[in-house]
Amino acid sequence: MPGLASAPDYKRAWNDAARRDAHDAILTGSTAESFERTGQADAAEIRRHLPPDAAVLNIGCGVGRVEKYLAPHVREMVSVDVSGEMIARARERLAGLTSVRLREIGNDEFLRAFEADRFDLVFSYLVLQHLAREDAFAYLRDAFRVLKPGGVLLVQFPNFLSPEYTRAFLEGAAVAHRSPGRERYYTEPEARHLVGLAGFTVEEVRLSSGERGDTEIYVAARKPAR
């Protein structure tokens, strides 16, 4: 019987990327202005779904692009990332935001450090796309566990059918040695299906950005109330 494959070394890939250019690794081609603008916009979108006095978890916080603008509006902001280099930069960026707690996690640790029914909202933007599909699902399944009944999940996936990601796929297909942190693409039905498999009820799907307004797939889902 074949042995199990080892977990992809996401930690090394993202530590290397952070040392080269953390902001560009998180949001390719961004300027200082656009990096902040997207952080503000994503925080505003998340706030639409926040209950009062919320405890929030971010899977893959990077340098704290969203935290800077969301943390002042929540009771508790817990943010995890596989990259210690990213976490170190986030600590500098978010210094003084007392509601934020940052934690470096292992390649295959997922959310095991957190107890069940802990958070009101879990989100993950620009992160699941960099994981093998099985690992993305493991995070979704763990997000279901740590959310309170009735809690909200907000996640983003790159739309394979968009012109931008079609081009990116063709470019990546020509590369012989592919990074563990490379992008993986989804269609809208696949994104819905993956979230549903983790136990969530999908409540809203929207497409946005890019040449045709369909580059990114945003899914809002809920853990059923008991």
Protein backbone atom coordinates (compact mmCIF):
# COMPACT_ATOMS: atom_id res chain seq x y z
CA MET A 1 0.00 0.00 0.00
CA PRO A 2 1.51 3.37 -1.00
CA GLY A 3 2.44 5.71 1.82
CA LEU A 4 0.70 9.04 2.34
CA ALA A 5 2.26 12.01 0.61
CA SER A 6 3.80 14.62 2.86
CA ALA A 7 2.07 17.98 3.22
CA PRO A 8 3.16 20.63 0.70
CA ASP A 9 5.70 23.00 2.19
CA TYR A 10 3.51 26.09 2.15
CA LYS A 11 5.51 27.57 5.02
CA ARG A 12 8.78 27.66 3.11
CA ALA A 13 7.10 28.99 -0.05
CA TRP A 14 5.40 31.87 1.77
CA ASN A 15 8.36 32.71 3.98
CA ASP A 16 10.45 33.03 0.81
CA ALA A 17 7.75 35.14 -0.84
CA ALA A 18 7.49 37.41 2.19
CA ARG A 19 11.23 38.02 2.20
CA ARG A 20 11.17 38.95 -1.50
CA ASP A 21 8.10 41.24 -1.41
CA ALA A 22 5.31 40.47 1.04
CA HIS A 23 2.80 42.93 -0.41
CA ASP A 24 3.25 41.73 -3.99
CA ALA A 25 3.04 38.09 -2.87
CA ILE A 26 -0.33 38.81 -1.26
CA LEU A 27 -1.74 41.05 -4.00
CA THR A 28 0.25 40.69 -7.21
CA GLY A 29 0.93 43.94 -9.00
CA SER A 30 -0.44 46.10 -6.19
CA THR A 31 0.78 49.55 -5.31
CA ALA A 32 0.91 50.82 -1.74
CA GLU A 33 -2.34 52.67 -2.44
CA SER A 34 -4.18 49.74 -4.04
CA PHE A 35 -3.04 47.38 -1.27
CA GLU A 36 -4.65 49.61 1.34
CA ARG A 37 -7.72 50.30 -0.79
CA THR A 38 -8.49 46.60 -1.20
CA GLY A 39 -7.97 46.03 2.50
CA GLN A 40 -10.52 48.73 3.27
CA ALA A 41 -12.97 47.37 0.70
CA ASP A 42 -12.72 43.79 1.96
CA ALA A 43 -13.16 44.94 5.55
CA ALA A 44 -16.27 46.90 4.56
CA GLU A 45 -17.72 43.82 2.84
CA ILE A 46 -17.03 41.64 5.90
CA ARG A 47 -18.69 44.21 8.16
CA ARG A 48 -21.97 43.67 6.28
CA HIS A 49 -22.09 40.20 7.83
CA LEU A 50 -20.83 40.98 11.34
CA PRO A 51 -23.07 40.46 14.36
CA PRO A 52 -22.56 42.85 17.30
CA ASP A 53 -19.55 42.23 19.53
CA ALA A 54 -18.18 39.61 17.15
CA ALA A 55 -15.24 37.24 17.53
CA VAL A 56 -13.64 36.81 14.09
CA LEU A 57 -11.03 34.45 12.64
CA ASN A 58 -9.00 35.15 9.49
CA ILE A 59 -7.40 32.16 7.75
CA GLY A 60 -4.24 33.44 6.06
CA CYS A 61 -3.79 36.98 7.33
CA GLY A 62 -0.52 37.78 5.57
CA VAL A 63 0.72 41.15 6.81
CA GLY A 64 -2.72 42.16 8.13
CA ARG A 65 -4.08 43.77 4.96
CA VAL A 66 -7.70 43.48 6.18
CA GLU A 67 -7.10 43.44 9.95
CA LYS A 68 -6.02 47.08 10.00
CA TYR A 69 -9.50 48.14 8.91
CA LEU A 70 -11.66 45.40 10.45
CA ALA A 71 -10.19 45.01 13.94
CA PRO A 72 -11.61 48.30 15.29
CA HIS A 73 -15.13 46.98 14.63
CA VAL A 74 -14.92 43.60 16.40
CA ARG A 75 -14.52 42.36 19.94
CA GLU A 76 -11.80 39.86 19.06
CA MET A 77 -9.75 39.35 15.89
CA VAL A 78 -7.73 36.13 15.68
CA SER A 79 -5.55 35.86 12.59
CA VAL A 80 -3.45 32.88 11.53
CA ASP A 81 -0.85 32.36 8.83
CA VAL A 82 1.53 29.57 7.92
CA SER A 83 4.34 32.08 7.33
CA GLY A 84 6.26 33.37 10.32
CA GLU A 85 7.71 36.08 8.08
CA MET A 86 4.21 37.33 7.25
CA ILE A 87 3.21 37.20 10.92
CA ALA A 88 6.26 39.27 11.89
CA ARG A 89 5.29 41.96 9.39
CA ALA A 90 1.69 41.84 10.59
CA ARG A 91 2.83 42.45 14.18
CA GLU A 92 4.55 45.65 13.05
CA ARG A 93 1.63 46.80 10.92
CA LEU A 94 -1.01 46.11 13.58
CA ALA A 95 0.87 47.33 16.64
CA GLY A 96 -1.56 49.11 18.93
CA LEU A 97 -4.66 47.19 17.81
CA THR A 98 -5.37 45.42 21.08
CA SER A 99 -8.23 43.30 19.73
CA VAL A 100 -5.90 41.43 17.33
CA ARG A 101 -4.17 38.16 18.21
CA LEU A 102 -1.75 36.71 15.64
CA ARG A 103 -0.67 33.08 15.45
CA GLU A 104 1.75 31.21 13.18
CA ILE A 105 0.47 27.73 12.29
CA GLY A 106 2.06 24.62 10.78
CA ASN A 107 1.76 23.35 7.22
CA ASP A 108 -0.92 20.82 8.14
CA GLU A 109 -2.10 22.21 11.49
CA PHE A 110 -5.21 23.86 10.06
CA LEU A 111 -7.39 25.21 12.94
CA ARG A 112 -6.76 22.49 15.53
CA ALA A 113 -5.60 25.07 18.09
CA PHE A 114 -9.12 26.48 18.42
CA GLU A 115 -12.07 24.95 20.22
CA ALA A 116 -15.40 24.21 18.60
CA ASP A 117 -18.13 26.88 18.44
CA ARG A 118 -15.66 29.68 19.21
CA PHE A 119 -16.16 32.31 16.47
CA ASP A 120 -19.05 34.34 15.08
CA LEU A 121 -17.43 34.77 11.65
CA VAL A 122 -14.56 33.14 9.76
CA PHE A 123 -13.17 34.59 6.54
CA SER A 124 -10.39 33.80 4.10
CA TYR A 125 -9.55 35.99 1.10
CA LEU A 126 -6.70 35.40 -1.39
CA VAL A 127 -5.62 32.28 0.50
CA LEU A 128 -7.57 29.11 -0.33
CA GLN A 129 -6.57 29.60 -3.97
CA HIS A 130 -2.95 28.88 -2.98
CA LEU A 131 -3.72 25.48 -1.43
CA ALA A 132 -4.21 22.02 -2.84
CA ARG A 133 -7.95 21.48 -3.07
CA GLU A 134 -7.89 18.86 -0.31
CA ASP A 135 -6.13 21.32 2.01
CA ALA A 136 -8.57 24.11 1.15
CA PHE A 137 -11.38 21.72 2.05
CA ALA A 138 -9.66 20.82 5.34
CA TYR A 139 -9.65 24.50 6.28
CA LEU A 140 -13.32 24.85 5.34
CA ARG A 141 -14.25 21.79 7.38
CA ASP A 142 -12.28 23.12 10.36
CA ALA A 143 -13.90 26.54 9.91
CA PHE A 144 -17.27 24.81 10.24
CA ARG A 145 -16.15 23.24 13.52
CA VAL A 146 -14.85 26.47 15.10
CA LEU A 147 -17.85 28.57 14.08
CA LYS A 148 -20.78 28.98 16.44
CA PRO A 149 -24.09 27.57 15.19
CA GLY A 150 -25.49 30.20 12.87
CA GLY A 151 -21.99 31.62 12.29
CA VAL A 152 -20.90 33.07 8.96
CA LEU A 153 -18.19 31.95 6.53
CA LEU A 154 -16.84 34.36 3.89
CA VAL A 155 -14.40 32.98 1.32
CA GLN A 156 -12.99 33.91 -2.09
CA PHE A 157 -11.94 31.74 -5.01
CA PRO A 158 -10.35 32.67 -8.38
CA ASN A 159 -12.74 32.09 -11.28
CA PHE A 160 -11.14 29.68 -13.76
CA LEU A 161 -13.55 30.85 -16.48
CA SER A 162 -12.44 34.48 -16.30
CA PRO A 163 -10.00 35.75 -18.95
CA GLU A 164 -7.38 36.65 -16.34
CA TYR A 165 -7.23 33.27 -14.66
CA THR A 166 -7.49 31.39 -17.95
CA ARG A 167 -4.34 33.20 -19.06
CA ALA A 168 -2.67 32.56 -15.71
CA PHE A 169 -3.45 28.85 -15.98
CA LEU A 170 -1.94 28.60 -19.45
CA GLU A 171 1.19 30.44 -18.29
CA GLY A 172 1.49 28.18 -15.24
CA ALA A 173 0.99 25.04 -17.32
CA ALA A 174 4.24 25.85 -19.15
CA VAL A 175 6.27 25.97 -15.91
CA ALA A 176 8.18 22.79 -15.12
CA HIS A 177 8.69 23.33 -11.38
CA ARG A 178 5.58 24.68 -9.68
CA SER A 179 5.48 26.27 -6.24
CA PRO A 180 3.31 24.69 -3.51
CA GLY A 181 1.80 28.17 -3.17
CA ARG A 182 0.73 28.49 -6.80
CA GLU A 183 -2.86 29.47 -7.61
CA ARG A 184 -5.56 26.84 -8.02
CA TYR A 185 -8.67 27.85 -9.93
CA TYR A 186 -12.38 27.13 -9.44
CA THR A 187 -15.63 27.54 -11.27
CA GLU A 188 -18.65 28.93 -9.46
CA PRO A 189 -20.36 25.49 -9.20
CA GLU A 190 -17.13 24.01 -7.81
CA ALA A 191 -16.84 26.77 -5.19
CA ARG A 192 -20.45 26.24 -4.12
CA HIS A 193 -19.95 22.48 -4.00
CA LEU A 194 -16.76 22.63 -1.91
CA VAL A 195 -18.32 24.96 0.66
CA GLY A 196 -21.42 22.79 0.81
CA LEU A 197 -19.36 19.63 1.31
CA ALA A 198 -17.89 21.23 4.44
CA GLY A 199 -21.41 21.47 5.89
CA PHE A 200 -22.30 25.08 5.13
CA THR A 201 -25.45 26.48 3.61
CA VAL A 202 -24.48 28.85 0.80
CA GLU A 203 -26.43 32.10 1.10
CA GLU A 204 -24.80 34.41 -1.42
CA VAL A 205 -22.37 34.14 -4.34
CA ARG A 206 -21.12 37.19 -6.20
CA LEU A 207 -18.61 37.66 -8.99
CA SER A 208 -16.49 40.79 -9.16
CA SER A 209 -13.40 42.51 -10.56
CA GLY A 210 -11.48 42.18 -13.79
CA GLU A 211 -12.16 42.64 -17.47
CA ARG A 212 -15.66 41.15 -17.36
CA GLY A 213 -16.46 41.64 -13.69
CA ASP A 214 -16.13 37.91 -12.99
CA THR A 215 -12.50 37.42 -11.93
CA GLU A 216 -13.19 36.59 -8.28
CA ILE A 217 -15.87 34.36 -6.75
CA TYR A 218 -17.03 35.48 -3.29
CA VAL A 219 -19.12 33.05 -1.25
CA ALA A 220 -21.10 33.88 1.89
CA ALA A 221 -22.32 30.81 3.76
CA ARG A 222 -23.64 29.90 7.17
CA LYS A 223 -23.24 27.07 9.65
CA PRO A 224 -26.78 25.82 10.33
CA ALA A 225 -28.20 26.81 13.70
CA ARG A 226 -28.94 23.94 16.03
